[in-house]
Amino acid sequence: MNTLYRWLIIAALFIAALVSYSYGITEGVFLFVIAGFVFELTFWFSIFGKKKTQKRT
């Protein structure tokens, strides 16, 4: 995957988590807080996820 697209997706996940948290807390909708938590977990796993290993021939 292109590096630019990867960072755009990571930024979108971070923004989605912030928006979900803020909407869920201000409106009292717990479903959006859970969605924010899922977006945040996906964000962190995409940044510190498993690194690809290169095969040596």
PDB file of N, CA and C in Angstrom:
ATOM      1  N   MET A   1       0.850  -1.173   0.000  1.00  0.00           N
ATOM      2  CA  MET A   1       0.000   0.000   0.000  1.00  0.00           C
ATOM      3  C   MET A   1       0.894   1.234   0.000  1.00  0.00           C
ATOM      4  N   ASN A   2       0.469   2.215  -0.726  1.00  0.00           N
ATOM      5  CA  ASN A   2       1.222   3.448  -0.811  1.00  0.00           C
ATOM      6  C   ASN A   2       1.280   4.122   0.570  1.00  0.00           C
ATOM      7  N   THR A   3       2.427   4.689   0.895  1.00  0.00           N
ATOM      8  CA  THR A   3       2.627   5.288   2.209  1.00  0.00           C
ATOM      9  C   THR A   3       1.677   6.459   2.448  1.00  0.00           C
ATOM     10  N   LEU A   4       1.428   7.254   1.431  1.00  0.00           N
ATOM     11  CA  LEU A   4       0.521   8.387   1.579  1.00  0.00           C
ATOM     12  C   LEU A   4      -0.888   7.928   1.927  1.00  0.00           C
ATOM     13  N   TYR A   5      -1.387   6.912   1.234  1.00  0.00           N
ATOM     14  CA  TYR A   5      -2.717   6.399   1.513  1.00  0.00           C
ATOM     15  C   TYR A   5      -2.797   5.801   2.915  1.00  0.00           C
ATOM     16  N   ARG A   6      -1.740   5.140   3.341  1.00  0.00           N
ATOM     17  CA  ARG A   6      -1.725   4.552   4.680  1.00  0.00           C
ATOM     18  C   ARG A   6      -1.847   5.639   5.735  1.00  0.00           C
ATOM     19  N   TRP A   7      -1.098   6.728   5.578  1.00  0.00           N
ATOM     20  CA  TRP A   7      -1.163   7.809   6.559  1.00  0.00           C
ATOM     21  C   TRP A   7      -2.486   8.551   6.494  1.00  0.00           C
ATOM     22  N   LEU A   8      -3.098   8.646   5.322  1.00  0.00           N
ATOM     23  CA  LEU A   8      -4.420   9.257   5.215  1.00  0.00           C
ATOM     24  C   LEU A   8      -5.481   8.423   5.932  1.00  0.00           C
ATOM     25  N   ILE A   9      -5.390   7.120   5.802  1.00  0.00           N
ATOM     26  CA  ILE A   9      -6.318   6.238   6.494  1.00  0.00           C
ATOM     27  C   ILE A   9      -6.123   6.334   8.000  1.00  0.00           C
ATOM     28  N   ILE A  10      -4.875   6.369   8.452  1.00  0.00           N
ATOM     29  CA  ILE A  10      -4.593   6.502   9.883  1.00  0.00           C
ATOM     30  C   ILE A  10      -5.134   7.822  10.421  1.00  0.00           C
ATOM     31  N   ALA A  11      -4.952   8.905   9.678  1.00  0.00           N
ATOM     32  CA  ALA A  11      -5.478  10.204  10.103  1.00  0.00           C
ATOM     33  C   ALA A  11      -7.003  10.184  10.141  1.00  0.00           C
ATOM     34  N   ALA A  12      -7.631   9.546   9.167  1.00  0.00           N
ATOM     35  CA  ALA A  12      -9.092   9.453   9.148  1.00  0.00           C
ATOM     36  C   ALA A  12      -9.607   8.651  10.337  1.00  0.00           C
ATOM     37  N   LEU A  13      -8.902   7.594  10.711  1.00  0.00           N
ATOM     38  CA  LEU A  13      -9.295   6.817  11.887  1.00  0.00           C
ATOM     39  C   LEU A  13      -9.195   7.646  13.161  1.00  0.00           C
ATOM     40  N   PHE A  14      -8.136   8.435  13.270  1.00  0.00           N
ATOM     41  CA  PHE A  14      -7.953   9.286  14.450  1.00  0.00           C
ATOM     42  C   PHE A  14      -9.063  10.331  14.533  1.00  0.00           C
ATOM     43  N   ILE A  15      -9.379  10.960  13.413  1.00  0.00           N
ATOM     44  CA  ILE A  15     -10.436  11.973  13.393  1.00  0.00           C
ATOM     45  C   ILE A  15     -11.796  11.344  13.688  1.00  0.00           C
ATOM     46  N   ALA A  16     -12.044  10.165  13.133  1.00  0.00           N
ATOM     47  CA  ALA A  16     -13.308   9.474  13.393  1.00  0.00           C
ATOM     48  C   ALA A  16     -13.451   9.124  14.866  1.00  0.00           C
ATOM     49  N   ALA A  17     -12.352   8.722  15.503  1.00  0.00           N
ATOM     50  CA  ALA A  17     -12.404   8.414  16.931  1.00  0.00           C
ATOM     51  C   ALA A  17     -12.717   9.668  17.740  1.00  0.00           C
ATOM     52  N   LEU A  18     -12.066  10.779  17.425  1.00  0.00           N
ATOM     53  CA  LEU A  18     -12.329  12.022  18.156  1.00  0.00           C
ATOM     54  C   LEU A  18     -13.769  12.492  17.978  1.00  0.00           C
ATOM     55  N   VAL A  19     -14.274  12.434  16.755  1.00  0.00           N
ATOM     56  CA  VAL A  19     -15.648  12.864  16.492  1.00  0.00           C
ATOM     57  C   VAL A  19     -16.643  11.956  17.219  1.00  0.00           C
ATOM     58  N   SER A  20     -16.402  10.658  17.177  1.00  0.00           N
ATOM     59  CA  SER A  20     -17.307   9.726  17.848  1.00  0.00           C
ATOM     60  C   SER A  20     -17.304   9.936  19.356  1.00  0.00           C
ATOM     61  N   TYR A  21     -16.128  10.110  19.940  1.00  0.00           N
ATOM     62  CA  TYR A  21     -16.041  10.374  21.375  1.00  0.00           C
ATOM     63  C   TYR A  21     -16.770  11.661  21.740  1.00  0.00           C
ATOM     64  N   SER A  22     -16.507  12.727  21.008  1.00  0.00           N
ATOM     65  CA  SER A  22     -17.102  14.012  21.380  1.00  0.00           C
ATOM     66  C   SER A  22     -18.619  13.996  21.207  1.00  0.00           C
ATOM     67  N   TYR A  23     -19.116  13.384  20.138  1.00  0.00           N
ATOM     68  CA  TYR A  23     -20.562  13.314  19.950  1.00  0.00           C
ATOM     69  C   TYR A  23     -21.209  12.409  20.996  1.00  0.00           C
ATOM     70  N   GLY A  24     -20.581  11.287  21.273  1.00  0.00           N
ATOM     71  CA  GLY A  24     -21.138  10.349  22.245  1.00  0.00           C
ATOM     72  C   GLY A  24     -21.184  10.918  23.646  1.00  0.00           C
ATOM     73  N   ILE A  25     -20.190  11.700  24.026  1.00  0.00           N
ATOM     74  CA  ILE A  25     -20.154  12.268  25.371  1.00  0.00           C
ATOM     75  C   ILE A  25     -21.122  13.439  25.494  1.00  0.00           C
ATOM     76  N   THR A  26     -21.174  14.301  24.486  1.00  0.00           N
ATOM     77  CA  THR A  26     -22.055  15.473  24.593  1.00  0.00           C
ATOM     78  C   THR A  26     -23.529  15.106  24.468  1.00  0.00           C
ATOM     79  N   GLU A  27     -23.857  14.137  23.634  1.00  0.00           N
ATOM     80  CA  GLU A  27     -25.255  13.753  23.439  1.00  0.00           C
ATOM     81  C   GLU A  27     -25.683  12.614  24.356  1.00  0.00           C
ATOM     82  N   GLY A  28     -24.750  11.977  25.001  1.00  0.00           N
ATOM     83  CA  GLY A  28     -25.079  10.883  25.904  1.00  0.00           C
ATOM     84  C   GLY A  28     -25.421   9.588  25.196  1.00  0.00           C
ATOM     85  N   VAL A  29     -24.929   9.420  23.982  1.00  0.00           N
ATOM     86  CA  VAL A  29     -25.186   8.193  23.221  1.00  0.00           C
ATOM     87  C   VAL A  29     -23.971   7.281  23.380  1.00  0.00           C
ATOM     88  N   PHE A  30     -24.168   6.227  24.159  1.00  0.00           N
ATOM     89  CA  PHE A  30     -23.047   5.351  24.492  1.00  0.00           C
ATOM     90  C   PHE A  30     -22.541   4.584  23.272  1.00  0.00           C
ATOM     91  N   LEU A  31     -23.380   4.384  22.274  1.00  0.00           N
ATOM     92  CA  LEU A  31     -22.972   3.667  21.062  1.00  0.00           C
ATOM     93  C   LEU A  31     -21.832   4.399  20.349  1.00  0.00           C
ATOM     94  N   PHE A  32     -21.860   5.733  20.356  1.00  0.00           N
ATOM     95  CA  PHE A  32     -20.789   6.497  19.717  1.00  0.00           C
ATOM     96  C   PHE A  32     -19.498   6.447  20.523  1.00  0.00           C
ATOM     97  N   VAL A  33     -19.602   6.302  21.817  1.00  0.00           N
ATOM     98  CA  VAL A  33     -18.403   6.137  22.640  1.00  0.00           C
ATOM     99  C   VAL A  33     -17.744   4.800  22.319  1.00  0.00           C
ATOM    100  N   ILE A  34     -18.560   3.776  22.152  1.00  0.00           N
ATOM    101  CA  ILE A  34     -18.028   2.459  21.772  1.00  0.00           C
ATOM    102  C   ILE A  34     -17.413   2.515  20.378  1.00  0.00           C
ATOM    103  N   ALA A  35     -18.070   3.213  19.452  1.00  0.00           N
ATOM    104  CA  ALA A  35     -17.513   3.362  18.095  1.00  0.00           C
ATOM    105  C   ALA A  35     -16.191   4.109  18.144  1.00  0.00           C
ATOM    106  N   GLY A  36     -16.087   5.141  18.976  1.00  0.00           N
ATOM    107  CA  GLY A  36     -14.829   5.859  19.143  1.00  0.00           C
ATOM    108  C   GLY A  36     -13.735   4.959  19.664  1.00  0.00           C
ATOM    109  N   PHE A  37     -14.102   4.087  20.609  1.00  0.00           N
ATOM    110  CA  PHE A  37     -13.135   3.134  21.152  1.00  0.00           C
ATOM    111  C   PHE A  37     -12.636   2.175  20.074  1.00  0.00           C
ATOM    112  N   VAL A  38     -13.537   1.712  19.220  1.00  0.00           N
ATOM    113  CA  VAL A  38     -13.155   0.801  18.133  1.00  0.00           C
ATOM    114  C   VAL A  38     -12.257   1.517  17.131  1.00  0.00           C
ATOM    115  N   PHE A  39     -12.608   2.762  16.771  1.00  0.00           N
ATOM    116  CA  PHE A  39     -11.763   3.531  15.860  1.00  0.00           C
ATOM    117  C   PHE A  39     -10.378   3.767  16.462  1.00  0.00           C
ATOM    118  N   GLU A  40     -10.336   4.045  17.765  1.00  0.00           N
ATOM    119  CA  GLU A  40      -9.046   4.295  18.405  1.00  0.00           C
ATOM    120  C   GLU A  40      -8.185   3.034  18.441  1.00  0.00           C
ATOM    121  N   LEU A  41      -8.797   1.898  18.754  1.00  0.00           N
ATOM    122  CA  LEU A  41      -8.038   0.644  18.737  1.00  0.00           C
ATOM    123  C   LEU A  41      -7.491   0.345  17.344  1.00  0.00           C
ATOM    124  N   THR A  42      -8.301   0.564  16.336  1.00  0.00           N
ATOM    125  CA  THR A  42      -7.845   0.346  14.967  1.00  0.00           C
ATOM    126  C   THR A  42      -6.708   1.287  14.619  1.00  0.00           C
ATOM    127  N   PHE A  43      -6.810   2.534  15.087  1.00  0.00           N
ATOM    128  CA  PHE A  43      -5.742   3.511  14.877  1.00  0.00           C
ATOM    129  C   PHE A  43      -4.433   3.035  15.487  1.00  0.00           C
ATOM    130  N   TRP A  44      -4.470   2.624  16.744  1.00  0.00           N
ATOM    131  CA  TRP A  44      -3.239   2.215  17.421  1.00  0.00           C
ATOM    132  C   TRP A  44      -2.662   0.932  16.822  1.00  0.00           C
ATOM    133  N   PHE A  45      -3.523  -0.012  16.462  1.00  0.00           N
ATOM    134  CA  PHE A  45      -3.014  -1.244  15.860  1.00  0.00           C
ATOM    135  C   PHE A  45      -2.449  -1.001  14.470  1.00  0.00           C
ATOM    136  N   SER A  46      -2.958   0.007  13.768  1.00  0.00           N
ATOM    137  CA  SER A  46      -2.393   0.291  12.447  1.00  0.00           C
ATOM    138  C   SER A  46      -1.047   0.993  12.549  1.00  0.00           C
ATOM    139  N   ILE A  47      -0.821   1.735  13.620  1.00  0.00           N
ATOM    140  CA  ILE A  47       0.477   2.391  13.794  1.00  0.00           C
ATOM    141  C   ILE A  47       1.517   1.409  14.333  1.00  0.00           C
ATOM    142  N   PHE A  48       1.166   0.668  15.378  1.00  0.00           N
ATOM    143  CA  PHE A  48       2.128  -0.238  16.009  1.00  0.00           C
ATOM    144  C   PHE A  48       1.848  -1.694  15.681  1.00  0.00           C
ATOM    145  N   GLY A  49       1.280  -1.934  14.530  1.00  0.00           N
ATOM    146  CA  GLY A  49       0.936  -3.296  14.123  1.00  0.00           C
ATOM    147  C   GLY A  49       2.163  -4.132  13.832  1.00  0.00           C
ATOM    148  N   LYS A  50       1.885  -5.315  13.426  1.00  0.00           N
ATOM    149  CA  LYS A  50       2.936  -6.271  13.116  1.00  0.00           C
ATOM    150  C   LYS A  50       3.710  -5.817  11.882  1.00  0.00           C
ATOM    151  N   LYS A  51       4.997  -5.807  11.973  1.00  0.00           N
ATOM    152  CA  LYS A  51       5.853  -5.418  10.848  1.00  0.00           C
ATOM    153  C   LYS A  51       6.032  -6.601   9.913  1.00  0.00           C
ATOM    154  N   LYS A  52       6.081  -6.296   8.637  1.00  0.00           N
ATOM    155  CA  LYS A  52       6.309  -7.353   7.644  1.00  0.00           C
ATOM    156  C   LYS A  52       7.772  -7.756   7.681  1.00  0.00           C
ATOM    157  N   THR A  53       7.996  -9.041   7.636  1.00  0.00           N
ATOM    158  CA  THR A  53       9.360  -9.531   7.593  1.00  0.00           C
ATOM    159  C   THR A  53       9.746  -9.803   6.155  1.00  0.00           C
ATOM    160  N   GLN A  54      10.965  -9.489   5.833  1.00  0.00           N
ATOM    161  CA  GLN A  54      11.425  -9.709   4.473  1.00  0.00           C
ATOM    162  C   GLN A  54      12.145 -11.053   4.409  1.00  0.00           C
ATOM    163  N   LYS A  55      11.849 -11.783   3.356  1.00  0.00           N
ATOM    164  CA  LYS A  55      12.505 -13.071   3.151  1.00  0.00           C
ATOM    165  C   LYS A  55      13.860 -12.842   2.494  1.00  0.00           C
ATOM    166  N   ARG A  56      14.830 -13.528   2.994  1.00  0.00           N
ATOM    167  CA  ARG A  56      16.168 -13.475   2.393  1.00  0.00           C
ATOM    168  C   ARG A  56      16.356 -14.686   1.504  1.00  0.00           C
ATOM    169  N   THR A  57      16.848 -14.459   0.327  1.00  0.00           N
ATOM    170  CA  THR A  57      17.050 -15.586  -0.594  1.00  0.00           C
ATOM    171  C   THR A  57      18.518 -15.872  -0.780  1.00  0.00           C
TER     172      THR A  57
END
